[in-house]
Amino acid sequence: MSTTATNIPPRKQLRACLNLMRRLPPHKQKDNLESLMQLVSPELGEELAECVDIPLEEAIDPETVRVV
């Protein structure tokens, strides 16, 4: 059995994915996006990635103890 929903029009799939992204926890946004991209076709996954903004991650520099 295929993991992609081929019988659902691509626009509907994209809209459903975006609706899910709005409702899923924002602190797991990167993981959620990667998971959704695995469920749809590669072309739709690229379009989904273009529509969703993933915030930059923060890190602490151990030498200066500053956020970079």
Protein backbone atom coordinates (compact mmCIF):
# COMPACT_ATOMS: atom_id res chain seq x y z
CA MET A 1 0.00 0.00 0.00
CA SER A 2 1.31 3.42 -0.95
CA THR A 3 1.97 6.04 1.73
CA THR A 4 0.79 8.89 -0.50
CA ALA A 5 -2.82 9.89 -0.95
CA THR A 6 -2.96 9.74 -4.75
CA ASN A 7 -6.73 9.85 -5.05
CA ILE A 8 -6.96 13.27 -3.33
CA PRO A 9 -6.27 16.34 -5.50
CA PRO A 10 -2.90 18.00 -4.72
CA ARG A 11 -4.50 21.35 -3.77
CA LYS A 12 -6.68 19.61 -1.18
CA GLN A 13 -3.66 17.74 0.19
CA LEU A 14 -1.71 20.99 0.50
CA ARG A 15 -4.61 22.76 2.21
CA ALA A 16 -5.01 19.84 4.66
CA CYS A 17 -1.29 19.86 5.47
CA LEU A 18 -1.31 23.62 6.07
CA ASN A 19 -4.38 23.28 8.32
CA LEU A 20 -2.57 20.61 10.31
CA MET A 21 0.53 22.77 10.64
CA ARG A 22 -1.60 25.58 12.09
CA ARG A 23 -2.98 23.25 14.76
CA LEU A 24 0.14 21.28 15.71
CA PRO A 25 2.49 22.50 18.48
CA PRO A 26 4.72 25.32 17.20
CA HIS A 27 7.77 24.10 19.12
CA LYS A 28 7.74 20.92 16.99
CA GLN A 29 7.16 22.71 13.71
CA LYS A 30 10.31 21.41 12.02
CA ASP A 31 9.57 17.77 12.94
CA ASN A 32 5.92 18.12 11.93
CA LEU A 33 6.86 19.56 8.54
CA GLU A 34 9.33 16.75 7.87
CA SER A 35 6.71 14.15 8.79
CA LEU A 36 4.07 15.69 6.54
CA MET A 37 6.53 15.93 3.66
CA GLN A 38 7.03 12.17 3.87
CA LEU A 39 3.29 11.58 3.46
CA VAL A 40 2.83 13.54 0.23
CA SER A 41 4.46 13.44 -3.20
CA PRO A 42 7.92 15.02 -3.56
CA GLU A 43 6.50 17.89 -5.64
CA LEU A 44 3.82 18.64 -3.06
CA GLY A 45 6.39 18.32 -0.28
CA GLU A 46 8.49 21.03 -1.90
CA GLU A 47 5.46 23.28 -2.24
CA LEU A 48 4.56 22.64 1.40
CA ALA A 49 8.10 23.53 2.51
CA GLU A 50 7.84 26.80 0.57
CA CYS A 51 4.60 27.71 2.37
CA VAL A 52 5.75 26.97 5.94
CA ASP A 53 8.22 29.23 7.74
CA ILE A 54 10.53 27.44 10.15
CA PRO A 55 12.14 29.78 12.70
CA LEU A 56 15.90 29.83 13.09
CA GLU A 57 17.30 27.80 15.96
CA GLU A 58 19.29 29.44 18.74
CA ALA A 59 22.58 28.15 20.06
CA ILE A 60 24.91 29.20 22.85
CA ASP A 61 28.57 29.79 22.07
CA PRO A 62 30.46 27.97 24.85
CA GLU A 63 33.44 30.33 24.66
CA THR A 64 31.55 33.62 24.96
CA VAL A 65 28.38 32.22 26.60
CA ARG A 66 26.28 34.25 24.17
CA VAL A 67 23.30 33.28 22.07
CA VAL A 68 24.26 33.04 18.40
